[in-house]
Amino acid sequence: MIISRWKNRKFQLVMSRPILEEVTATLLEKGISETSILEFVTAIGNLALFVPANLIVYRLDKIDPDDNKFLSAAQESQADFLVSLDAKHLLPLKHHYKTQILNPAVFIRILDRELAEEDS
């Protein structure tokens, strides 16, 4: 759902090397074939906006240090949304600077609503 919308350029994906490394490792852990992962990583390389994600983000003490890469990329790119399933650390924040943090289902509803408004 989200990937097809991204590939159809309905939104801009922001990526960094640390995020891509985590995504790749997660896909491997889930048993996704290396061929599928390579196709996905190639698409990301061709379509995503890459940022360094070098900022060290300090936001309360509830942040998992491993989540810094996501908050940093959102802040560096001035992203409207950070989409996550991390209900323990990221989603409870709700916002980071001007970036709204939400789950994939809410993101799709917002995106579809905005696209429908553009079409009308």
N, C-alpha and C. Protein backbone atom coordinates (compact mmCIF):
# COMPACT_ATOMS: atom_id res chain seq x y z
N MET A 1 0.81 -1.19 0.00
CA MET A 1 0.00 0.00 0.00
C MET A 1 0.87 1.26 0.00
N ILE A 2 1.68 1.41 1.03
CA ILE A 2 2.52 2.60 1.10
C ILE A 2 3.58 2.55 0.01
N ILE A 3 4.16 1.38 -0.20
CA ILE A 3 5.24 1.27 -1.20
C ILE A 3 4.72 1.59 -2.59
N SER A 4 3.54 1.11 -2.94
CA SER A 4 3.01 1.40 -4.28
C SER A 4 2.75 2.90 -4.45
N ARG A 5 2.27 3.55 -3.40
CA ARG A 5 2.04 5.00 -3.48
C ARG A 5 3.36 5.75 -3.63
N TRP A 6 4.37 5.27 -2.91
CA TRP A 6 5.69 5.90 -3.02
C TRP A 6 6.26 5.70 -4.43
N LYS A 7 6.19 4.48 -4.95
CA LYS A 7 6.72 4.21 -6.29
C LYS A 7 5.97 5.02 -7.35
N ASN A 8 4.70 5.34 -7.09
CA ASN A 8 3.92 6.18 -8.00
C ASN A 8 4.10 7.66 -7.70
N ARG A 9 5.07 7.95 -6.83
CA ARG A 9 5.47 9.33 -6.48
C ARG A 9 4.33 10.16 -5.90
N LYS A 10 3.55 9.52 -5.04
CA LYS A 10 2.49 10.24 -4.34
C LYS A 10 3.04 10.97 -3.12
N PHE A 11 4.25 10.59 -2.69
CA PHE A 11 4.95 11.27 -1.62
C PHE A 11 6.45 11.03 -1.79
N GLN A 12 7.25 11.84 -1.13
CA GLN A 12 8.71 11.73 -1.20
C GLN A 12 9.20 10.94 0.01
N LEU A 13 9.91 9.86 -0.24
CA LEU A 13 10.51 9.06 0.82
C LEU A 13 11.86 9.68 1.18
N VAL A 14 12.08 9.88 2.48
CA VAL A 14 13.37 10.36 2.96
C VAL A 14 14.12 9.16 3.52
N MET A 15 15.38 9.05 3.17
CA MET A 15 16.17 7.89 3.56
C MET A 15 17.56 8.35 3.97
N SER A 16 18.19 7.56 4.81
CA SER A 16 19.59 7.76 5.17
C SER A 16 20.26 6.40 5.16
N ARG A 17 21.56 6.41 5.13
CA ARG A 17 22.28 5.14 5.13
C ARG A 17 21.95 4.30 6.38
N PRO A 18 21.95 4.89 7.59
CA PRO A 18 21.61 4.07 8.76
C PRO A 18 20.19 3.50 8.71
N ILE A 19 19.24 4.27 8.19
CA ILE A 19 17.87 3.76 8.08
C ILE A 19 17.83 2.62 7.07
N LEU A 20 18.48 2.79 5.94
CA LEU A 20 18.48 1.74 4.92
C LEU A 20 19.12 0.47 5.44
N GLU A 21 20.18 0.61 6.23
CA GLU A 21 20.82 -0.58 6.82
C GLU A 21 19.85 -1.31 7.76
N GLU A 22 19.11 -0.54 8.55
CA GLU A 22 18.15 -1.18 9.47
C GLU A 22 17.01 -1.85 8.71
N VAL A 23 16.50 -1.17 7.69
CA VAL A 23 15.42 -1.75 6.88
C VAL A 23 15.89 -3.04 6.23
N THR A 24 17.09 -3.03 5.66
CA THR A 24 17.62 -4.22 5.00
C THR A 24 17.77 -5.38 6.00
N ALA A 25 18.32 -5.09 7.17
CA ALA A 25 18.49 -6.13 8.19
C ALA A 25 17.14 -6.69 8.63
N THR A 26 16.15 -5.83 8.78
CA THR A 26 14.81 -6.27 9.20
C THR A 26 14.18 -7.16 8.14
N LEU A 27 14.32 -6.78 6.87
CA LEU A 27 13.77 -7.59 5.78
C LEU A 27 14.44 -8.96 5.72
N LEU A 28 15.75 -8.99 5.93
CA LEU A 28 16.47 -10.27 5.96
C LEU A 28 15.98 -11.14 7.11
N GLU A 29 15.79 -10.54 8.29
CA GLU A 29 15.29 -11.28 9.45
C GLU A 29 13.91 -11.86 9.20
N LYS A 30 13.10 -11.16 8.40
CA LYS A 30 11.74 -11.61 8.12
C LYS A 30 11.69 -12.64 6.99
N GLY A 31 12.87 -12.99 6.46
CA GLY A 31 12.93 -14.02 5.44
C GLY A 31 12.62 -13.55 4.03
N ILE A 32 12.64 -12.25 3.80
CA ILE A 32 12.42 -11.73 2.46
C ILE A 32 13.63 -12.12 1.60
N SER A 33 13.37 -12.50 0.37
CA SER A 33 14.46 -12.96 -0.50
C SER A 33 15.45 -11.83 -0.78
N GLU A 34 16.69 -12.22 -0.95
CA GLU A 34 17.73 -11.23 -1.25
C GLU A 34 17.44 -10.51 -2.57
N THR A 35 16.85 -11.20 -3.52
CA THR A 35 16.50 -10.59 -4.80
C THR A 35 15.46 -9.49 -4.60
N SER A 36 14.44 -9.76 -3.80
CA SER A 36 13.41 -8.75 -3.53
C SER A 36 14.00 -7.56 -2.78
N ILE A 37 14.88 -7.84 -1.84
CA ILE A 37 15.52 -6.77 -1.09
C ILE A 37 16.37 -5.92 -2.01
N LEU A 38 17.12 -6.55 -2.89
CA LEU A 38 17.95 -5.81 -3.82
C LEU A 38 17.10 -4.91 -4.73
N GLU A 39 15.97 -5.41 -5.20
CA GLU A 39 15.06 -4.60 -6.03
C GLU A 39 14.54 -3.40 -5.23
N PHE A 40 14.18 -3.63 -3.98
CA PHE A 40 13.67 -2.57 -3.13
C PHE A 40 14.74 -1.52 -2.85
N VAL A 41 15.94 -1.97 -2.51
CA VAL A 41 17.04 -1.05 -2.23
C VAL A 41 17.40 -0.26 -3.49
N THR A 42 17.36 -0.88 -4.65
CA THR A 42 17.63 -0.18 -5.91
C THR A 42 16.57 0.90 -6.15
N ALA A 43 15.31 0.57 -5.91
CA ALA A 43 14.24 1.56 -6.07
C ALA A 43 14.45 2.73 -5.10
N ILE A 44 14.82 2.43 -3.88
CA ILE A 44 15.10 3.49 -2.90
C ILE A 44 16.23 4.37 -3.40
N GLY A 45 17.27 3.75 -3.91
CA GLY A 45 18.41 4.52 -4.43
C GLY A 45 18.02 5.44 -5.56
N ASN A 46 17.06 5.01 -6.37
CA ASN A 46 16.64 5.81 -7.52
C ASN A 46 15.61 6.89 -7.18
N LEU A 47 14.78 6.66 -6.17
CA LEU A 47 13.64 7.54 -5.93
C LEU A 47 13.67 8.32 -4.62
N ALA A 48 14.40 7.85 -3.63
CA ALA A 48 14.34 8.48 -2.30
C ALA A 48 15.25 9.70 -2.22
N LEU A 49 14.90 10.59 -1.32
CA LEU A 49 15.72 11.73 -0.97
C LEU A 49 16.63 11.28 0.17
N PHE A 50 17.94 11.29 -0.07
CA PHE A 50 18.88 10.85 0.96
C PHE A 50 19.38 12.05 1.75
N VAL A 51 19.40 11.88 3.07
CA VAL A 51 19.93 12.88 3.99
C VAL A 51 20.98 12.20 4.86
N PRO A 52 21.92 12.98 5.42
CA PRO A 52 22.96 12.36 6.24
C PRO A 52 22.45 11.75 7.54
N ALA A 53 21.42 12.36 8.15
CA ALA A 53 20.90 11.92 9.46
C ALA A 53 22.00 11.92 10.50
N ASN A 54 22.75 13.01 10.53
CA ASN A 54 23.87 13.14 11.46
C ASN A 54 23.53 13.84 12.75
N LEU A 55 22.36 14.47 12.82
CA LEU A 55 22.00 15.20 14.03
C LEU A 55 21.85 14.25 15.21
N ILE A 56 22.27 14.70 16.36
CA ILE A 56 22.01 13.94 17.57
C ILE A 56 20.78 14.58 18.20
N VAL A 57 19.73 13.83 18.28
CA VAL A 57 18.45 14.34 18.76
C VAL A 57 18.29 13.97 20.22
N TYR A 58 18.10 14.97 21.04
CA TYR A 58 17.82 14.74 22.45
C TYR A 58 16.39 15.17 22.71
N ARG A 59 15.57 14.26 23.10
CA ARG A 59 14.17 14.56 23.35
C ARG A 59 13.71 13.68 24.50
N LEU A 60 13.72 14.25 25.66
CA LEU A 60 13.39 13.51 26.87
C LEU A 60 14.34 12.32 27.02
N ASP A 61 14.10 11.50 27.95
CA ASP A 61 14.97 10.33 28.14
C ASP A 61 14.32 9.07 27.63
N LYS A 62 13.15 9.20 27.02
CA LYS A 62 12.40 8.03 26.59
C LYS A 62 12.78 7.59 25.18
N ILE A 63 13.69 8.30 24.54
CA ILE A 63 14.07 7.97 23.18
C ILE A 63 15.07 6.82 23.19
N ASP A 64 14.80 5.82 22.41
CA ASP A 64 15.75 4.75 22.20
C ASP A 64 16.86 5.33 21.33
N PRO A 65 18.12 5.25 21.75
CA PRO A 65 19.20 5.83 20.94
C PRO A 65 19.20 5.34 19.48
N ASP A 66 18.71 4.13 19.26
CA ASP A 66 18.64 3.61 17.89
C ASP A 66 17.62 4.34 17.04
N ASP A 67 16.69 5.06 17.68
CA ASP A 67 15.68 5.81 16.94
C ASP A 67 16.15 7.18 16.51
N ASN A 68 17.32 7.59 16.96
CA ASN A 68 17.86 8.90 16.59
C ASN A 68 17.90 9.07 15.08
N LYS A 69 18.25 8.01 14.36
CA LYS A 69 18.39 8.12 12.90
C LYS A 69 17.09 8.55 12.24
N PHE A 70 15.96 8.11 12.78
CA PHE A 70 14.66 8.46 12.20
C PHE A 70 14.30 9.91 12.50
N LEU A 71 14.48 10.31 13.74
CA LEU A 71 14.18 11.69 14.13
C LEU A 71 15.12 12.67 13.43
N SER A 72 16.38 12.28 13.32
CA SER A 72 17.36 13.13 12.65
C SER A 72 17.02 13.31 11.18
N ALA A 73 16.68 12.23 10.49
CA ALA A 73 16.33 12.32 9.07
C ALA A 73 15.08 13.18 8.88
N ALA A 74 14.09 13.02 9.77
CA ALA A 74 12.88 13.83 9.67
C ALA A 74 13.20 15.30 9.87
N GLN A 75 14.04 15.59 10.85
CA GLN A 75 14.38 16.98 11.13
C GLN A 75 15.21 17.58 10.01
N GLU A 76 16.22 16.86 9.52
CA GLU A 76 17.08 17.38 8.46
C GLU A 76 16.31 17.65 7.18
N SER A 77 15.33 16.81 6.88
CA SER A 77 14.58 16.97 5.63
C SER A 77 13.34 17.84 5.80
N GLN A 78 13.05 18.24 7.02
CA GLN A 78 11.84 18.99 7.33
C GLN A 78 10.60 18.22 6.85
N ALA A 79 10.60 16.92 7.14
CA ALA A 79 9.51 16.04 6.72
C ALA A 79 8.21 16.41 7.40
N ASP A 80 7.12 16.26 6.68
CA ASP A 80 5.80 16.47 7.25
C ASP A 80 5.42 15.31 8.18
N PHE A 81 5.83 14.10 7.79
CA PHE A 81 5.43 12.90 8.53
C PHE A 81 6.61 11.96 8.73
N LEU A 82 6.60 11.29 9.87
CA LEU A 82 7.49 10.17 10.13
C LEU A 82 6.55 9.00 10.41
N VAL A 83 6.63 7.98 9.57
CA VAL A 83 5.72 6.83 9.66
C VAL A 83 6.45 5.70 10.37
N SER A 84 5.83 5.18 11.42
CA SER A 84 6.48 4.17 12.24
C SER A 84 5.47 3.23 12.86
N LEU A 85 5.94 2.04 13.20
CA LEU A 85 5.15 1.09 13.99
C LEU A 85 5.66 1.02 15.43
N ASP A 86 6.64 1.85 15.77
CA ASP A 86 7.27 1.83 17.09
C ASP A 86 6.36 2.48 18.13
N ALA A 87 5.48 1.66 18.72
CA ALA A 87 4.51 2.16 19.70
C ALA A 87 5.14 2.42 21.06
N LYS A 88 6.36 1.97 21.26
CA LYS A 88 7.01 2.17 22.56
C LYS A 88 7.76 3.49 22.64
N HIS A 89 8.45 3.87 21.55
CA HIS A 89 9.31 5.05 21.61
C HIS A 89 8.88 6.19 20.69
N LEU A 90 8.63 5.91 19.43
CA LEU A 90 8.38 6.99 18.46
C LEU A 90 6.94 7.48 18.45
N LEU A 91 5.99 6.58 18.32
CA LEU A 91 4.59 7.01 18.21
C LEU A 91 4.11 7.83 19.41
N PRO A 92 4.52 7.52 20.64
CA PRO A 92 4.06 8.35 21.76
C PRO A 92 4.53 9.81 21.69
N LEU A 93 5.59 10.08 20.94
CA LEU A 93 6.06 11.46 20.81
C LEU A 93 5.05 12.34 20.07
N LYS A 94 4.37 11.75 19.10
CA LYS A 94 3.36 12.40 18.24
C LYS A 94 3.95 13.45 17.30
N HIS A 95 4.94 14.22 17.75
CA HIS A 95 5.58 15.23 16.91
C HIS A 95 7.05 15.33 17.25
N HIS A 96 7.82 15.70 16.26
CA HIS A 96 9.22 16.06 16.47
C HIS A 96 9.48 17.28 15.59
N TYR A 97 9.68 18.40 16.23
CA TYR A 97 9.74 19.68 15.54
C TYR A 97 8.47 19.81 14.71
N LYS A 98 8.56 19.96 13.41
CA LYS A 98 7.36 20.14 12.59
C LYS A 98 6.87 18.84 11.96
N THR A 99 7.45 17.72 12.37
CA THR A 99 7.11 16.42 11.79
C THR A 99 6.10 15.70 12.67
N GLN A 100 4.99 15.28 12.08
CA GLN A 100 3.99 14.49 12.79
C GLN A 100 4.42 13.02 12.71
N ILE A 101 4.39 12.34 13.85
CA ILE A 101 4.77 10.93 13.91
C ILE A 101 3.49 10.11 14.00
N LEU A 102 3.30 9.21 13.04
CA LEU A 102 2.07 8.44 13.00
C LEU A 102 2.29 7.04 12.44
N ASN A 103 1.30 6.21 12.61
CA ASN A 103 1.41 4.84 12.11
C ASN A 103 1.02 4.78 10.63
N PRO A 104 1.35 3.68 9.96
CA PRO A 104 1.08 3.59 8.51
C PRO A 104 -0.39 3.77 8.13
N ALA A 105 -1.31 3.22 8.92
CA ALA A 105 -2.74 3.33 8.57
C ALA A 105 -3.20 4.79 8.57
N VAL A 106 -2.77 5.54 9.57
CA VAL A 106 -3.15 6.95 9.63
C VAL A 106 -2.50 7.73 8.49
N PHE A 107 -1.24 7.41 8.20
CA PHE A 107 -0.55 8.08 7.09
C PHE A 107 -1.29 7.85 5.78
N ILE A 108 -1.71 6.63 5.52
CA ILE A 108 -2.42 6.34 4.26
C ILE A 108 -3.73 7.11 4.20
N ARG A 109 -4.46 7.18 5.31
CA ARG A 109 -5.72 7.95 5.31
C ARG A 109 -5.46 9.42 5.00
N ILE A 110 -4.44 10.00 5.62
CA ILE A 110 -4.11 11.41 5.37
C ILE A 110 -3.67 11.61 3.93
N LEU A 111 -2.80 10.74 3.45
CA LEU A 111 -2.30 10.84 2.07
C LEU A 111 -3.44 10.71 1.07
N ASP A 112 -4.29 9.73 1.26
CA ASP A 112 -5.42 9.54 0.33
C ASP A 112 -6.37 10.73 0.35
N ARG A 113 -6.59 11.30 1.53
CA ARG A 113 -7.47 12.47 1.65
C ARG A 113 -6.84 13.65 0.89
N GLU A 114 -5.53 13.87 1.08
CA GLU A 114 -4.86 14.98 0.40
C GLU A 114 -4.86 14.77 -1.10
N LEU A 115 -4.65 13.55 -1.55
CA LEU A 115 -4.67 13.28 -3.00
C LEU A 115 -6.06 13.48 -3.58
N ALA A 116 -7.11 13.09 -2.82
CA ALA A 116 -8.48 13.29 -3.30
C ALA A 116 -8.80 14.78 -3.40
N GLU A 117 -8.32 15.57 -2.44
CA GLU A 117 -8.55 17.02 -2.48
C GLU A 117 -7.84 17.66 -3.68
N GLU A 118 -6.65 17.15 -4.01
CA GLU A 118 -5.93 17.67 -5.18
C GLU A 118 -6.67 17.38 -6.48
N ASP A 119 -7.30 16.20 -6.53
CA ASP A 119 -8.01 15.79 -7.74
C ASP A 119 -9.35 16.52 -7.93
N SER A 120 -9.89 17.07 -6.86
CA SER A 120 -11.20 17.73 -6.99
C SER A 120 -11.09 19.20 -7.28
